[in-house]
PDB file of N, CA and C in Angstrom:
ATOM      1  N   UNK A   1      99.222 216.161  22.827  1.00  0.00           N
ATOM      2  CA  UNK A   1     100.191 216.723  23.742  1.00  0.00           C
ATOM      3  C   UNK A   1     101.218 215.679  24.156  1.00  0.00           C
ATOM      4  N   UNK A   2     100.759 214.458  24.441  1.00  0.00           N
ATOM      5  CA  UNK A   2     101.667 213.456  24.991  1.00  0.00           C
ATOM      6  C   UNK A   2     102.756 213.053  24.009  1.00  0.00           C
ATOM      7  N   UNK A   3     102.487 213.088  22.714  1.00  0.00           N
ATOM      8  CA  UNK A   3     103.538 212.683  21.771  1.00  0.00           C
ATOM      9  C   UNK A   3     104.685 213.692  21.743  1.00  0.00           C
ATOM     10  N   UNK A   4     104.456 214.940  22.168  1.00  0.00           N
ATOM     11  CA  UNK A   4     105.503 215.958  22.248  1.00  0.00           C
ATOM     12  C   UNK A   4     106.175 215.994  23.612  1.00  0.00           C
ATOM     13  N   UNK A   5     105.584 215.311  24.579  1.00  0.00           N
ATOM     14  CA  UNK A   5     106.091 215.327  25.942  1.00  0.00           C
ATOM     15  C   UNK A   5     107.314 214.422  26.070  1.00  0.00           C
ATOM     16  N   UNK A   6     108.409 214.980  26.557  1.00  0.00           N
ATOM     17  CA  UNK A   6     109.618 214.212  26.827  1.00  0.00           C
ATOM     18  C   UNK A   6     109.661 213.993  28.331  1.00  0.00           C
ATOM     19  N   UNK A   7     109.295 212.807  28.748  1.00  0.00           N
ATOM     20  CA  UNK A   7     109.188 212.526  30.181  1.00  0.00           C
ATOM     21  C   UNK A   7     110.548 212.650  30.859  1.00  0.00           C
ATOM     22  N   UNK A   8     110.633 213.498  31.877  1.00  0.00           N
ATOM     23  CA  UNK A   8     111.900 213.655  32.608  1.00  0.00           C
ATOM     24  C   UNK A   8     112.330 212.342  33.253  1.00  0.00           C
ATOM     25  N   UNK A   9     113.625 212.136  33.299  1.00  0.00           N
ATOM     26  CA  UNK A   9     114.163 210.930  33.930  1.00  0.00           C
ATOM     27  C   UNK A   9     113.963 210.999  35.441  1.00  0.00           C
ATOM     28  N   UNK A  10     113.957 209.845  36.062  1.00  0.00           N
ATOM     29  CA  UNK A  10     113.864 209.706  37.519  1.00  0.00           C
ATOM     30  C   UNK A  10     112.557 210.234  38.107  1.00  0.00           C
ATOM     31  N   UNK A  11     111.526 210.327  37.287  1.00  0.00           N
ATOM     32  CA  UNK A  11     110.220 210.753  37.793  1.00  0.00           C
ATOM     33  C   UNK A  11     109.210 209.683  37.429  1.00  0.00           C
ATOM     34  N   UNK A  12     108.509 209.190  38.434  1.00  0.00           N
ATOM     35  CA  UNK A  12     107.503 208.173  38.197  1.00  0.00           C
ATOM     36  C   UNK A  12     106.192 208.872  37.852  1.00  0.00           C
ATOM     37  N   UNK A  13     105.911 208.951  36.555  1.00  0.00           N
ATOM     38  CA  UNK A  13     104.679 209.602  36.128  1.00  0.00           C
ATOM     39  C   UNK A  13     103.766 208.615  35.413  1.00  0.00           C
ATOM     40  N   UNK A  14     103.935 207.349  35.689  1.00  0.00           N
ATOM     41  CA  UNK A  14     103.101 206.307  35.088  1.00  0.00           C
ATOM     42  C   UNK A  14     101.684 206.424  35.626  1.00  0.00           C
ATOM     43  N   UNK A  15     100.707 206.515  34.733  1.00  0.00           N
ATOM     44  CA  UNK A  15      99.297 206.646  35.078  1.00  0.00           C
ATOM     45  C   UNK A  15      99.037 207.815  36.034  1.00  0.00           C
ATOM     46  N   UNK A  16      99.740 208.907  35.794  1.00  0.00           N
ATOM     47  CA  UNK A  16      99.586 210.101  36.617  1.00  0.00           C
ATOM     48  C   UNK A  16      98.376 210.892  36.134  1.00  0.00           C
ATOM     49  N   UNK A  17      97.464 211.202  37.056  1.00  0.00           N
ATOM     50  CA  UNK A  17      96.264 211.971  36.725  1.00  0.00           C
ATOM     51  C   UNK A  17      96.364 213.322  37.416  1.00  0.00           C
ATOM     52  N   UNK A  18      96.380 214.382  36.622  1.00  0.00           N
ATOM     53  CA  UNK A  18      96.444 215.731  37.181  1.00  0.00           C
ATOM     54  C   UNK A  18      95.356 216.594  36.552  1.00  0.00           C
ATOM     55  N   UNK A  19      95.040 217.639  37.238  1.00  0.00           N
ATOM     56  CA  UNK A  19      94.118 218.638  36.724  1.00  0.00           C
ATOM     57  C   UNK A  19      94.933 219.918  36.538  1.00  0.00           C
ATOM     58  N   UNK A  20      95.100 220.348  35.304  1.00  0.00           N
ATOM     59  CA  UNK A  20      95.923 221.510  34.993  1.00  0.00           C
ATOM     60  C   UNK A  20      95.035 222.731  34.837  1.00  0.00           C
ATOM     61  N   UNK A  21      95.276 223.740  35.644  1.00  0.00           N
ATOM     62  CA  UNK A  21      94.542 224.997  35.550  1.00  0.00           C
ATOM     63  C   UNK A  21      95.454 226.034  34.915  1.00  0.00           C
ATOM     64  N   UNK A  22      94.880 226.850  34.051  1.00  0.00           N
ATOM     65  CA  UNK A  22      95.658 227.894  33.390  1.00  0.00           C
ATOM     66  C   UNK A  22      94.732 228.990  32.906  1.00  0.00           C
ATOM     67  N   UNK A  23      95.317 230.113  32.554  1.00  0.00           N
ATOM     68  CA  UNK A  23      94.553 231.243  32.027  1.00  0.00           C
ATOM     69  C   UNK A  23      94.941 231.458  30.575  1.00  0.00           C
ATOM     70  N   UNK A  24      93.956 231.808  29.764  1.00  0.00           N
ATOM     71  CA  UNK A  24      94.207 232.227  28.387  1.00  0.00           C
ATOM     72  C   UNK A  24      94.067 233.739  28.379  1.00  0.00           C
ATOM     73  N   UNK A  25      95.166 234.405  28.050  1.00  0.00           N
ATOM     74  CA  UNK A  25      95.190 235.869  28.066  1.00  0.00           C
ATOM     75  C   UNK A  25      94.458 236.438  26.851  1.00  0.00           C
ATOM     76  N   UNK A  26      94.245 237.736  26.846  1.00  0.00           N
ATOM     77  CA  UNK A  26      93.538 238.407  25.758  1.00  0.00           C
ATOM     78  C   UNK A  26      94.200 238.179  24.405  1.00  0.00           C
ATOM     79  N   UNK A  27      95.530 238.002  24.408  1.00  0.00           N
ATOM     80  CA  UNK A  27      96.251 237.796  23.150  1.00  0.00           C
ATOM     81  C   UNK A  27      96.343 236.317  22.755  1.00  0.00           C
ATOM     82  N   UNK A  28      95.724 235.423  23.525  1.00  0.00           N
ATOM     83  CA  UNK A  28      95.717 233.996  23.208  1.00  0.00           C
ATOM     84  C   UNK A  28      96.852 233.199  23.829  1.00  0.00           C
ATOM     85  N   UNK A  29      97.746 233.859  24.540  1.00  0.00           N
ATOM     86  CA  UNK A  29      98.840 233.144  25.197  1.00  0.00           C
ATOM     87  C   UNK A  29      98.339 232.497  26.489  1.00  0.00           C
ATOM     88  N   UNK A  30      99.079 231.497  26.962  1.00  0.00           N
ATOM     89  CA  UNK A  30      98.718 230.758  28.176  1.00  0.00           C
ATOM     90  C   UNK A  30      99.595 231.241  29.326  1.00  0.00           C
ATOM     91  N   UNK A  31      98.979 231.445  30.494  1.00  0.00           N
ATOM     92  CA  UNK A  31      99.738 231.855  31.676  1.00  0.00           C
ATOM     93  C   UNK A  31      99.125 231.199  32.908  1.00  0.00           C
ATOM     94  N   UNK A  32      99.689 231.453  34.048  1.00  0.00           N
ATOM     95  CA  UNK A  32      99.191 230.964  35.332  1.00  0.00           C
ATOM     96  C   UNK A  32      98.909 229.461  35.289  1.00  0.00           C
ATOM     97  N   UNK A  33      99.938 228.687  35.156  1.00  0.00           N
ATOM     98  CA  UNK A  33      99.776 227.232  35.147  1.00  0.00           C
ATOM     99  C   UNK A  33      99.905 226.693  36.564  1.00  0.00           C
ATOM    100  N   UNK A  34      98.961 225.835  36.924  1.00  0.00           N
ATOM    101  CA  UNK A  34      98.980 225.213  38.244  1.00  0.00           C
ATOM    102  C   UNK A  34      98.389 223.814  38.111  1.00  0.00           C
ATOM    103  N   UNK A  35      98.992 222.850  38.781  1.00  0.00           N
ATOM    104  CA  UNK A  35      98.478 221.481  38.713  1.00  0.00           C
ATOM    105  C   UNK A  35      97.995 221.027  40.079  1.00  0.00           C
ATOM    106  N   UNK A  36      96.995 220.174  40.039  1.00  0.00           N
ATOM    107  CA  UNK A  36      96.444 219.593  41.263  1.00  0.00           C
ATOM    108  C   UNK A  36      96.314 218.096  41.039  1.00  0.00           C
ATOM    109  N   UNK A  37      96.950 217.246  41.746  1.00  0.00           N
ATOM    110  CA  UNK A  37      97.870 217.550  42.837  1.00  0.00           C
ATOM    111  C   UNK A  37      99.168 218.144  42.289  1.00  0.00           C
ATOM    112  N   UNK A  38      99.946 218.714  43.182  1.00  0.00           N
ATOM    113  CA  UNK A  38     101.225 219.294  42.781  1.00  0.00           C
ATOM    114  C   UNK A  38     102.112 218.197  42.179  1.00  0.00           C
ATOM    115  N   UNK A  39     102.871 218.553  41.172  1.00  0.00           N
ATOM    116  CA  UNK A  39     103.772 217.602  40.521  1.00  0.00           C
ATOM    117  C   UNK A  39     105.205 218.101  40.656  1.00  0.00           C
ATOM    118  N   UNK A  40     106.145 217.209  40.366  1.00  0.00           N
ATOM    119  CA  UNK A  40     107.552 217.571  40.488  1.00  0.00           C
ATOM    120  C   UNK A  40     107.910 218.627  39.446  1.00  0.00           C
ATOM    121  N   UNK A  41     108.822 219.514  39.808  1.00  0.00           N
ATOM    122  CA  UNK A  41     109.168 220.657  38.978  1.00  0.00           C
ATOM    123  C   UNK A  41     109.650 220.287  37.573  1.00  0.00           C
ATOM    124  N   UNK A  42     110.488 219.262  37.389  1.00  0.00           N
ATOM    125  CA  UNK A  42     110.899 218.927  36.014  1.00  0.00           C
ATOM    126  C   UNK A  42     109.723 218.550  35.117  1.00  0.00           C
ATOM    127  N   UNK A  43     108.753 217.842  35.669  1.00  0.00           N
ATOM    128  CA  UNK A  43     107.578 217.469  34.888  1.00  0.00           C
ATOM    129  C   UNK A  43     106.710 218.695  34.609  1.00  0.00           C
ATOM    130  N   UNK A  44     106.577 219.563  35.587  1.00  0.00           N
ATOM    131  CA  UNK A  44     105.805 220.788  35.388  1.00  0.00           C
ATOM    132  C   UNK A  44     106.428 221.646  34.292  1.00  0.00           C
ATOM    133  N   UNK A  45     107.750 221.778  34.308  1.00  0.00           N
ATOM    134  CA  UNK A  45     108.442 222.551  33.267  1.00  0.00           C
ATOM    135  C   UNK A  45     108.231 221.941  31.890  1.00  0.00           C
ATOM    136  N   UNK A  46     108.206 220.631  31.814  1.00  0.00           N
ATOM    137  CA  UNK A  46     108.001 219.963  30.532  1.00  0.00           C
ATOM    138  C   UNK A  46     106.575 220.192  30.021  1.00  0.00           C
ATOM    139  N   UNK A  47     105.606 220.154  30.894  1.00  0.00           N
ATOM    140  CA  UNK A  47     104.222 220.429  30.487  1.00  0.00           C
ATOM    141  C   UNK A  47     104.096 221.872  30.003  1.00  0.00           C
ATOM    142  N   UNK A  48     104.738 222.802  30.681  1.00  0.00           N
ATOM    143  CA  UNK A  48     104.731 224.202  30.253  1.00  0.00           C
ATOM    144  C   UNK A  48     105.386 224.332  28.877  1.00  0.00           C
ATOM    145  N   UNK A  49     106.486 223.613  28.660  1.00  0.00           N
ATOM    146  CA  UNK A  49     107.167 223.657  27.364  1.00  0.00           C
ATOM    147  C   UNK A  49     106.243 223.179  26.248  1.00  0.00           C
ATOM    148  N   UNK A  50     105.540 222.076  26.492  1.00  0.00           N
ATOM    149  CA  UNK A  50     104.644 221.519  25.479  1.00  0.00           C
ATOM    150  C   UNK A  50     103.480 222.476  25.209  1.00  0.00           C
ATOM    151  N   UNK A  51     102.916 223.059  26.257  1.00  0.00           N
ATOM    152  CA  UNK A  51     101.830 224.016  26.058  1.00  0.00           C
ATOM    153  C   UNK A  51     102.291 225.240  25.265  1.00  0.00           C
ATOM    154  N   UNK A  52     103.551 225.623  25.438  1.00  0.00           N
ATOM    155  CA  UNK A  52     104.059 226.775  24.691  1.00  0.00           C
ATOM    156  C   UNK A  52     104.193 226.467  23.200  1.00  0.00           C
ATOM    157  N   UNK A  53     104.230 225.178  22.837  1.00  0.00           N
ATOM    158  CA  UNK A  53     104.294 224.787  21.431  1.00  0.00           C
ATOM    159  C   UNK A  53     102.928 224.868  20.741  1.00  0.00           C
ATOM    160  N   UNK A  54     101.872 224.898  21.523  1.00  0.00           N
ATOM    161  CA  UNK A  54     100.508 224.932  20.969  1.00  0.00           C
ATOM    162  C   UNK A  54     100.256 226.260  20.265  1.00  0.00           C
ATOM    163  N   UNK A  55      99.400 226.227  19.251  1.00  0.00           N
ATOM    164  CA  UNK A  55      98.990 227.507  18.642  1.00  0.00           C
ATOM    165  C   UNK A  55      98.265 228.358  19.680  1.00  0.00           C
ATOM    166  N   UNK A  56      98.136 229.644  19.380  1.00  0.00           N
ATOM    167  CA  UNK A  56      97.440 230.549  20.289  1.00  0.00           C
ATOM    168  C   UNK A  56      96.015 230.048  20.533  1.00  0.00           C
ATOM    169  N   UNK A  57      95.535 230.211  21.764  1.00  0.00           N
ATOM    170  CA  UNK A  57      94.181 229.834  22.137  1.00  0.00           C
ATOM    171  C   UNK A  57      93.244 230.993  21.833  1.00  0.00           C
ATOM    172  N   UNK A  58      91.958 230.697  21.757  1.00  0.00           N
ATOM    173  CA  UNK A  58      90.954 231.745  21.594  1.00  0.00           C
ATOM    174  C   UNK A  58      90.656 232.344  22.965  1.00  0.00           C
ATOM    175  N   UNK A  59      90.837 233.642  23.150  1.00  0.00           N
ATOM    176  CA  UNK A  59      90.526 234.247  24.448  1.00  0.00           C
ATOM    177  C   UNK A  59      89.020 234.302  24.668  1.00  0.00           C
ATOM    178  N   UNK A  60      88.640 234.568  25.911  1.00  0.00           N
ATOM    179  CA  UNK A  60      87.229 234.747  26.210  1.00  0.00           C
ATOM    180  C   UNK A  60      86.695 235.961  25.460  1.00  0.00           C
ATOM    181  N   UNK A  61      85.386 236.022  25.302  1.00  0.00           N
ATOM    182  CA  UNK A  61      84.790 237.105  24.548  1.00  0.00           C
ATOM    183  C   UNK A  61      83.466 237.491  25.199  1.00  0.00           C
ATOM    184  N   UNK A  62      83.303 238.774  25.450  1.00  0.00           N
ATOM    185  CA  UNK A  62      82.048 239.265  26.000  1.00  0.00           C
ATOM    186  C   UNK A  62      81.716 240.571  25.290  1.00  0.00           C
ATOM    187  N   UNK A  63      80.632 240.552  24.571  1.00  0.00           N
ATOM    188  CA  UNK A  63      80.182 241.697  23.776  1.00  0.00           C
ATOM    189  C   UNK A  63      81.321 242.317  22.967  1.00  0.00           C
ATOM    190  N   UNK A  64      81.933 241.458  22.138  1.00  0.00           N
ATOM    191  CA  UNK A  64      82.995 241.898  21.218  1.00  0.00           C
ATOM    192  C   UNK A  64      84.290 242.320  21.915  1.00  0.00           C
ATOM    193  N   UNK A  65      84.399 242.117  23.206  1.00  0.00           N
ATOM    194  CA  UNK A  65      85.611 242.480  23.946  1.00  0.00           C
ATOM    195  C   UNK A  65      86.321 241.208  24.389  1.00  0.00           C
ATOM    196  N   UNK A  66      87.619 241.107  24.102  1.00  0.00           N
ATOM    197  CA  UNK A  66      88.402 239.941  24.510  1.00  0.00           C
ATOM    198  C   UNK A  66      88.687 240.002  26.004  1.00  0.00           C
ATOM    199  N   UNK A  67      88.580 238.830  26.642  1.00  0.00           N
ATOM    200  CA  UNK A  67      88.784 238.735  28.085  1.00  0.00           C
ATOM    201  C   UNK A  67      89.766 237.631  28.431  1.00  0.00           C
ATOM    202  N   UNK A  68      90.427 237.772  29.563  1.00  0.00           N
ATOM    203  CA  UNK A  68      91.244 236.701  30.129  1.00  0.00           C
ATOM    204  C   UNK A  68      90.285 235.648  30.662  1.00  0.00           C
ATOM    205  N   UNK A  69      90.542 234.381  30.338  1.00  0.00           N
ATOM    206  CA  UNK A  69      89.624 233.302  30.714  1.00  0.00           C
ATOM    207  C   UNK A  69      90.400 232.199  31.434  1.00  0.00           C
ATOM    208  N   UNK A  70      89.828 231.673  32.496  1.00  0.00           N
ATOM    209  CA  UNK A  70      90.433 230.587  33.275  1.00  0.00           C
ATOM    210  C   UNK A  70      89.912 229.239  32.770  1.00  0.00           C
ATOM    211  N   UNK A  71      90.805 228.267  32.601  1.00  0.00           N
ATOM    212  CA  UNK A  71      90.432 226.928  32.148  1.00  0.00           C
ATOM    213  C   UNK A  71      91.025 225.880  33.073  1.00  0.00           C
ATOM    214  N   UNK A  72      90.433 224.704  33.036  1.00  0.00           N
ATOM    215  CA  UNK A  72      90.942 223.564  33.775  1.00  0.00           C
ATOM    216  C   UNK A  72      90.884 222.368  32.830  1.00  0.00           C
ATOM    217  N   UNK A  73      91.969 221.615  32.765  1.00  0.00           N
ATOM    218  CA  UNK A  73      92.098 220.531  31.813  1.00  0.00           C
ATOM    219  C   UNK A  73      92.602 219.273  32.523  1.00  0.00           C
ATOM    220  N   UNK A  74      91.833 218.189  32.519  1.00  0.00           N
ATOM    221  CA  UNK A  74      92.337 216.944  33.114  1.00  0.00           C
ATOM    222  C   UNK A  74      93.349 216.297  32.175  1.00  0.00           C
ATOM    223  N   UNK A  75      94.442 215.821  32.723  1.00  0.00           N
ATOM    224  CA  UNK A  75      95.506 215.181  31.934  1.00  0.00           C
ATOM    225  C   UNK A  75      95.867 213.853  32.593  1.00  0.00           C
ATOM    226  N   UNK A  76      95.988 212.822  31.780  1.00  0.00           N
ATOM    227  CA  UNK A  76      96.437 211.509  32.256  1.00  0.00           C
ATOM    228  C   UNK A  76      97.686 211.154  31.478  1.00  0.00           C
ATOM    229  N   UNK A  77      98.792 210.954  32.188  1.00  0.00           N
ATOM    230  CA  UNK A  77     100.050 210.546  31.563  1.00  0.00           C
ATOM    231  C   UNK A  77     100.224 209.054  31.781  1.00  0.00           C
ATOM    232  N   UNK A  78     100.449 208.333  30.688  1.00  0.00           N
ATOM    233  CA  UNK A  78     100.583 206.872  30.779  1.00  0.00           C
ATOM    234  C   UNK A  78     101.978 206.439  30.463  1.00  0.00           C
TER     235      UNK A  78
END
């Protein structure tokens, strides 16, 4: 992910540790992005852009039925 990330100017994101929460929808797309701690909007938009470049995710599955699934991913930007 980091090699595709274009760090926004004027934002100090050196050694930034965030926990990114998001949902994988039934069709494999990513939605509901939230970071903890909150980050500046330009950086958040860039992370969303990079995630949109990823191939579709595998949705949750329960007895052959696809489900929306919540995930949390720790990210460290250096």
